[in-house]
Amino acid sequence: MEHLQEQLDEEFGQFRQYLESHGVRVALAKSLSNLKKEAERPANPVSFIVDQLQPDGPCAKEDRRIAELNQIIELLKEQIAMYEAKAKEEAEAAAKAKTEQDAEEAKNETAEGGNA
């Protein structure tokens, strides 16, 4: 039993050295420290830590893409509002022209009826 514990301790020590030699312990400590410093705790602490460990990782990339898409949505909303306003103006102008044309035709019919 003691031999098994020694073997596990040795394997754990090697694994710990491996992690430390690649900066994993320091990176985790920094990300946990940054999490602790957050004024508002994030809803998903795992995503926060992943973002801290990989600032250009999948979560950060998705967040940037979402921000880009939101900007596109706002631009499209502005364009829609512009086109709707233009269509309304054109419809009003067409209705006014039709009313004027109808009034002119009625005037002409009245004038022709009086001349007959």
N, C-alpha and C. Protein backbone atom coordinates (compact mmCIF):
# COMPACT_ATOMS: atom_id res chain seq x y z
N MET A 1 0.83 -1.19 0.00
CA MET A 1 0.00 0.00 0.00
C MET A 1 0.87 1.26 0.00
N GLU A 2 1.93 1.21 0.78
CA GLU A 2 2.85 2.35 0.86
C GLU A 2 3.53 2.58 -0.48
N HIS A 3 3.87 1.50 -1.15
CA HIS A 3 4.50 1.59 -2.47
C HIS A 3 3.58 2.29 -3.47
N LEU A 4 2.30 1.95 -3.43
CA LEU A 4 1.32 2.56 -4.32
C LEU A 4 1.22 4.06 -4.05
N GLN A 5 1.23 4.44 -2.77
CA GLN A 5 1.15 5.86 -2.41
C GLN A 5 2.39 6.61 -2.91
N GLU A 6 3.55 5.99 -2.78
CA GLU A 6 4.79 6.61 -3.27
C GLU A 6 4.74 6.80 -4.78
N GLN A 7 4.23 5.79 -5.48
CA GLN A 7 4.12 5.88 -6.94
C GLN A 7 3.17 7.00 -7.33
N LEU A 8 2.03 7.10 -6.64
CA LEU A 8 1.07 8.18 -6.93
C LEU A 8 1.68 9.55 -6.63
N ASP A 9 2.40 9.66 -5.52
CA ASP A 9 3.06 10.92 -5.17
C ASP A 9 4.08 11.31 -6.23
N GLU A 10 4.82 10.33 -6.72
CA GLU A 10 5.83 10.60 -7.74
C GLU A 10 5.17 11.06 -9.05
N GLU A 11 4.09 10.37 -9.44
CA GLU A 11 3.37 10.75 -10.66
C GLU A 11 2.78 12.15 -10.52
N PHE A 12 2.22 12.42 -9.36
CA PHE A 12 1.64 13.75 -9.12
C PHE A 12 2.73 14.81 -9.16
N GLY A 13 3.88 14.52 -8.58
CA GLY A 13 5.00 15.46 -8.59
C GLY A 13 5.46 15.76 -10.01
N GLN A 14 5.55 14.73 -10.83
CA GLN A 14 5.95 14.91 -12.23
C GLN A 14 4.91 15.75 -12.98
N PHE A 15 3.66 15.44 -12.72
CA PHE A 15 2.59 16.19 -13.39
C PHE A 15 2.61 17.65 -12.95
N ARG A 16 2.82 17.88 -11.67
CA ARG A 16 2.89 19.25 -11.14
C ARG A 16 4.06 20.01 -11.77
N GLN A 17 5.21 19.35 -11.89
CA GLN A 17 6.37 19.98 -12.53
C GLN A 17 6.06 20.33 -13.98
N TYR A 18 5.40 19.41 -14.65
CA TYR A 18 5.00 19.65 -16.05
C TYR A 18 4.13 20.91 -16.15
N LEU A 19 3.11 21.00 -15.29
CA LEU A 19 2.21 22.16 -15.31
C LEU A 19 2.96 23.45 -14.98
N GLU A 20 3.81 23.41 -13.97
CA GLU A 20 4.56 24.59 -13.57
C GLU A 20 5.53 25.02 -14.65
N SER A 21 6.17 24.07 -15.31
CA SER A 21 7.15 24.41 -16.34
C SER A 21 6.50 25.07 -17.55
N HIS A 22 5.21 24.86 -17.73
CA HIS A 22 4.48 25.46 -18.85
C HIS A 22 3.64 26.66 -18.43
N GLY A 23 3.79 27.10 -17.18
CA GLY A 23 3.11 28.31 -16.72
C GLY A 23 1.65 28.14 -16.39
N VAL A 24 1.19 26.91 -16.28
CA VAL A 24 -0.23 26.67 -16.02
C VAL A 24 -0.63 27.16 -14.64
N ARG A 25 0.18 26.86 -13.64
CA ARG A 25 -0.16 27.26 -12.27
C ARG A 25 -0.25 28.77 -12.16
N VAL A 26 0.69 29.48 -12.73
CA VAL A 26 0.69 30.94 -12.67
C VAL A 26 -0.52 31.51 -13.42
N ALA A 27 -0.81 30.95 -14.59
CA ALA A 27 -1.95 31.43 -15.38
C ALA A 27 -3.26 31.20 -14.64
N LEU A 28 -3.41 30.04 -14.03
CA LEU A 28 -4.63 29.76 -13.26
C LEU A 28 -4.74 30.69 -12.06
N ALA A 29 -3.62 30.90 -11.38
CA ALA A 29 -3.63 31.79 -10.21
C ALA A 29 -4.03 33.20 -10.62
N LYS A 30 -3.50 33.68 -11.75
CA LYS A 30 -3.85 35.02 -12.23
C LYS A 30 -5.33 35.11 -12.59
N SER A 31 -5.83 34.10 -13.29
CA SER A 31 -7.24 34.15 -13.70
C SER A 31 -8.16 34.08 -12.49
N LEU A 32 -7.82 33.28 -11.50
CA LEU A 32 -8.62 33.21 -10.28
C LEU A 32 -8.54 34.51 -9.50
N SER A 33 -7.37 35.11 -9.49
CA SER A 33 -7.21 36.40 -8.82
C SER A 33 -8.04 37.47 -9.51
N ASN A 34 -8.03 37.48 -10.84
CA ASN A 34 -8.85 38.44 -11.60
C ASN A 34 -10.34 38.22 -11.35
N LEU A 35 -10.73 36.97 -11.23
CA LEU A 35 -12.13 36.66 -10.92
C LEU A 35 -12.51 37.21 -9.55
N LYS A 36 -11.62 37.05 -8.61
CA LYS A 36 -11.88 37.56 -7.25
C LYS A 36 -11.99 39.08 -7.24
N LYS A 37 -11.22 39.76 -8.10
CA LYS A 37 -11.21 41.22 -8.15
C LYS A 37 -12.43 41.81 -8.86
N GLU A 38 -13.17 40.99 -9.59
CA GLU A 38 -14.33 41.49 -10.31
C GLU A 38 -15.35 42.07 -9.33
N ALA A 39 -15.81 43.30 -9.62
CA ALA A 39 -16.82 43.93 -8.76
C ALA A 39 -18.12 43.14 -8.80
N GLU A 40 -18.52 42.77 -10.01
CA GLU A 40 -19.71 41.95 -10.18
C GLU A 40 -19.26 40.56 -10.62
N ARG A 41 -19.68 39.59 -9.89
CA ARG A 41 -19.30 38.21 -10.23
C ARG A 41 -19.96 37.82 -11.55
N PRO A 42 -19.18 37.26 -12.48
CA PRO A 42 -19.78 36.83 -13.74
C PRO A 42 -20.76 35.69 -13.53
N ALA A 43 -21.76 35.65 -14.39
CA ALA A 43 -22.77 34.59 -14.30
C ALA A 43 -22.14 33.22 -14.55
N ASN A 44 -21.12 33.19 -15.42
CA ASN A 44 -20.46 31.93 -15.73
C ASN A 44 -18.97 32.06 -15.43
N PRO A 45 -18.54 31.69 -14.23
CA PRO A 45 -17.13 31.85 -13.88
C PRO A 45 -16.19 31.00 -14.74
N VAL A 46 -16.67 29.88 -15.22
CA VAL A 46 -15.82 29.03 -16.07
C VAL A 46 -15.48 29.77 -17.36
N SER A 47 -16.47 30.40 -17.98
CA SER A 47 -16.22 31.17 -19.20
C SER A 47 -15.26 32.32 -18.92
N PHE A 48 -15.42 32.95 -17.77
CA PHE A 48 -14.52 34.04 -17.38
C PHE A 48 -13.08 33.53 -17.32
N ILE A 49 -12.89 32.39 -16.66
CA ILE A 49 -11.54 31.83 -16.52
C ILE A 49 -10.99 31.43 -17.89
N VAL A 50 -11.82 30.83 -18.72
CA VAL A 50 -11.38 30.46 -20.08
C VAL A 50 -10.95 31.70 -20.85
N ASP A 51 -11.74 32.77 -20.75
CA ASP A 51 -11.38 34.02 -21.43
C ASP A 51 -10.06 34.57 -20.89
N GLN A 52 -9.85 34.45 -19.60
CA GLN A 52 -8.61 34.92 -18.99
C GLN A 52 -7.42 34.10 -19.47
N LEU A 53 -7.62 32.80 -19.59
CA LEU A 53 -6.54 31.92 -20.02
C LEU A 53 -6.27 32.04 -21.51
N GLN A 54 -7.31 32.28 -22.28
CA GLN A 54 -7.20 32.40 -23.73
C GLN A 54 -7.92 33.66 -24.18
N PRO A 55 -7.28 34.82 -24.09
CA PRO A 55 -7.98 36.05 -24.45
C PRO A 55 -8.49 36.05 -25.89
N ASP A 56 -7.87 35.28 -26.75
CA ASP A 56 -8.33 35.18 -28.13
C ASP A 56 -8.99 33.83 -28.38
N GLY A 57 -9.46 33.21 -27.31
CA GLY A 57 -10.08 31.90 -27.41
C GLY A 57 -11.49 31.97 -27.95
N PRO A 58 -12.19 30.85 -27.98
CA PRO A 58 -13.51 30.78 -28.59
C PRO A 58 -14.53 31.73 -27.97
N CYS A 59 -14.52 31.89 -26.65
CA CYS A 59 -15.50 32.78 -26.01
C CYS A 59 -15.28 34.22 -26.43
N ALA A 60 -14.03 34.65 -26.43
CA ALA A 60 -13.72 36.02 -26.82
C ALA A 60 -14.06 36.24 -28.30
N LYS A 61 -13.77 35.26 -29.13
CA LYS A 61 -14.09 35.37 -30.55
C LYS A 61 -15.59 35.45 -30.76
N GLU A 62 -16.34 34.64 -30.02
CA GLU A 62 -17.80 34.68 -30.13
C GLU A 62 -18.34 36.02 -29.67
N ASP A 63 -17.79 36.55 -28.58
CA ASP A 63 -18.23 37.85 -28.08
C ASP A 63 -17.98 38.95 -29.11
N ARG A 64 -16.80 38.90 -29.76
CA ARG A 64 -16.50 39.90 -30.80
C ARG A 64 -17.46 39.75 -31.97
N ARG A 65 -17.75 38.52 -32.36
CA ARG A 65 -18.66 38.28 -33.48
C ARG A 65 -20.07 38.77 -33.13
N ILE A 66 -20.50 38.53 -31.91
CA ILE A 66 -21.81 39.02 -31.47
C ILE A 66 -21.85 40.54 -31.53
N ALA A 67 -20.79 41.19 -31.08
CA ALA A 67 -20.73 42.65 -31.13
C ALA A 67 -20.79 43.15 -32.58
N GLU A 68 -20.06 42.48 -33.47
CA GLU A 68 -20.09 42.85 -34.89
C GLU A 68 -21.50 42.69 -35.46
N LEU A 69 -22.14 41.58 -35.14
CA LEU A 69 -23.49 41.34 -35.65
C LEU A 69 -24.49 42.35 -35.09
N ASN A 70 -24.32 42.73 -33.83
CA ASN A 70 -25.20 43.74 -33.25
C ASN A 70 -25.03 45.08 -33.95
N GLN A 71 -23.79 45.43 -34.34
CA GLN A 71 -23.57 46.66 -35.10
C GLN A 71 -24.25 46.58 -36.46
N ILE A 72 -24.15 45.44 -37.10
CA ILE A 72 -24.80 45.25 -38.40
C ILE A 72 -26.31 45.38 -38.25
N ILE A 73 -26.86 44.79 -37.19
CA ILE A 73 -28.30 44.88 -36.95
C ILE A 73 -28.73 46.33 -36.78
N GLU A 74 -27.97 47.10 -36.02
CA GLU A 74 -28.31 48.52 -35.81
C GLU A 74 -28.25 49.28 -37.13
N LEU A 75 -27.24 49.01 -37.95
CA LEU A 75 -27.13 49.66 -39.25
C LEU A 75 -28.33 49.31 -40.13
N LEU A 76 -28.71 48.04 -40.13
CA LEU A 76 -29.85 47.61 -40.94
C LEU A 76 -31.16 48.23 -40.44
N LYS A 77 -31.30 48.36 -39.13
CA LYS A 77 -32.49 49.02 -38.58
C LYS A 77 -32.57 50.47 -39.05
N GLU A 78 -31.43 51.15 -39.05
CA GLU A 78 -31.40 52.54 -39.53
C GLU A 78 -31.78 52.61 -41.01
N GLN A 79 -31.25 51.68 -41.80
CA GLN A 79 -31.57 51.67 -43.22
C GLN A 79 -33.05 51.38 -43.44
N ILE A 80 -33.60 50.45 -42.69
CA ILE A 80 -35.03 50.14 -42.81
C ILE A 80 -35.86 51.37 -42.49
N ALA A 81 -35.52 52.06 -41.40
CA ALA A 81 -36.26 53.27 -41.01
C ALA A 81 -36.17 54.32 -42.11
N MET A 82 -34.99 54.47 -42.72
CA MET A 82 -34.81 55.44 -43.80
C MET A 82 -35.69 55.07 -45.01
N TYR A 83 -35.68 53.78 -45.38
CA TYR A 83 -36.47 53.35 -46.53
C TYR A 83 -37.96 53.44 -46.25
N GLU A 84 -38.37 53.14 -45.02
CA GLU A 84 -39.78 53.27 -44.66
C GLU A 84 -40.23 54.73 -44.75
N ALA A 85 -39.39 55.65 -44.27
CA ALA A 85 -39.72 57.07 -44.34
C ALA A 85 -39.81 57.52 -45.80
N LYS A 86 -38.88 57.05 -46.62
CA LYS A 86 -38.89 57.42 -48.04
C LYS A 86 -40.14 56.85 -48.72
N ALA A 87 -40.49 55.61 -48.41
CA ALA A 87 -41.69 55.00 -49.00
C ALA A 87 -42.94 55.75 -48.57
N LYS A 88 -42.99 56.19 -47.32
CA LYS A 88 -44.13 56.95 -46.83
C LYS A 88 -44.25 58.28 -47.56
N GLU A 89 -43.11 58.96 -47.74
CA GLU A 89 -43.12 60.23 -48.47
C GLU A 89 -43.60 60.03 -49.90
N GLU A 90 -43.10 58.98 -50.55
CA GLU A 90 -43.50 58.71 -51.94
C GLU A 90 -44.98 58.36 -52.02
N ALA A 91 -45.49 57.60 -51.05
CA ALA A 91 -46.91 57.24 -51.04
C ALA A 91 -47.76 58.49 -50.84
N GLU A 92 -47.33 59.37 -49.94
CA GLU A 92 -48.07 60.61 -49.71
C GLU A 92 -48.04 61.50 -50.94
N ALA A 93 -46.88 61.57 -51.61
CA ALA A 93 -46.77 62.38 -52.82
C ALA A 93 -47.65 61.80 -53.92
N ALA A 94 -47.68 60.47 -54.04
CA ALA A 94 -48.52 59.83 -55.06
C ALA A 94 -50.00 60.07 -54.76
N ALA A 95 -50.38 59.99 -53.49
CA ALA A 95 -51.77 60.23 -53.11
C ALA A 95 -52.16 61.68 -53.39
N LYS A 96 -51.26 62.60 -53.10
CA LYS A 96 -51.52 64.02 -53.36
C LYS A 96 -51.67 64.26 -54.86
N ALA A 97 -50.77 63.65 -55.64
CA ALA A 97 -50.83 63.81 -57.09
C ALA A 97 -52.14 63.23 -57.63
N LYS A 98 -52.56 62.08 -57.10
CA LYS A 98 -53.80 61.45 -57.53
C LYS A 98 -54.99 62.34 -57.19
N THR A 99 -54.98 62.91 -55.99
CA THR A 99 -56.07 63.81 -55.58
C THR A 99 -56.12 65.02 -56.49
N GLU A 100 -54.96 65.59 -56.79
CA GLU A 100 -54.91 66.76 -57.68
C GLU A 100 -55.38 66.38 -59.08
N GLN A 101 -54.98 65.18 -59.54
CA GLN A 101 -55.39 64.72 -60.87
C GLN A 101 -56.90 64.51 -60.90
N ASP A 102 -57.46 63.89 -59.86
CA ASP A 102 -58.90 63.67 -59.78
C ASP A 102 -59.65 65.00 -59.76
N ALA A 103 -59.11 65.96 -59.01
CA ALA A 103 -59.75 67.28 -58.94
C ALA A 103 -59.70 67.97 -60.30
N GLU A 104 -58.59 67.84 -60.99
CA GLU A 104 -58.45 68.45 -62.32
C GLU A 104 -59.41 67.79 -63.30
N GLU A 105 -59.53 66.44 -63.24
CA GLU A 105 -60.46 65.75 -64.13
C GLU A 105 -61.90 66.15 -63.83
N ALA A 106 -62.24 66.27 -62.57
CA ALA A 106 -63.59 66.68 -62.20
C ALA A 106 -63.86 68.10 -62.69
N LYS A 107 -62.89 68.96 -62.59
CA LYS A 107 -63.02 70.34 -63.06
C LYS A 107 -63.22 70.35 -64.57
N ASN A 108 -62.44 69.52 -65.28
CA ASN A 108 -62.57 69.45 -66.73
C ASN A 108 -63.93 68.89 -67.14
N GLU A 109 -64.41 67.87 -66.42
CA GLU A 109 -65.72 67.30 -66.72
C GLU A 109 -66.82 68.33 -66.49
N THR A 110 -66.68 69.10 -65.44
CA THR A 110 -67.67 70.13 -65.14
C THR A 110 -67.65 71.20 -66.22
N ALA A 111 -66.45 71.55 -66.65
CA ALA A 111 -66.31 72.58 -67.69
C ALA A 111 -66.86 72.06 -69.01
N GLU A 112 -66.62 70.80 -69.33
CA GLU A 112 -67.12 70.22 -70.57
C GLU A 112 -68.64 70.08 -70.51
N GLY A 113 -69.16 69.73 -69.35
CA GLY A 113 -70.61 69.58 -69.19
C GLY A 113 -71.31 70.92 -69.33
N GLY A 114 -70.66 71.98 -68.91
CA GLY A 114 -71.25 73.31 -69.02
C GLY A 114 -71.19 73.83 -70.44
N ASN A 115 -70.25 73.36 -71.23
CA ASN A 115 -70.11 73.80 -72.62
C ASN A 115 -71.03 73.04 -73.55
N ALA A 116 -71.57 71.93 -73.14
CA ALA A 116 -72.36 71.10 -74.03
C ALA A 116 -73.72 71.57 -74.24
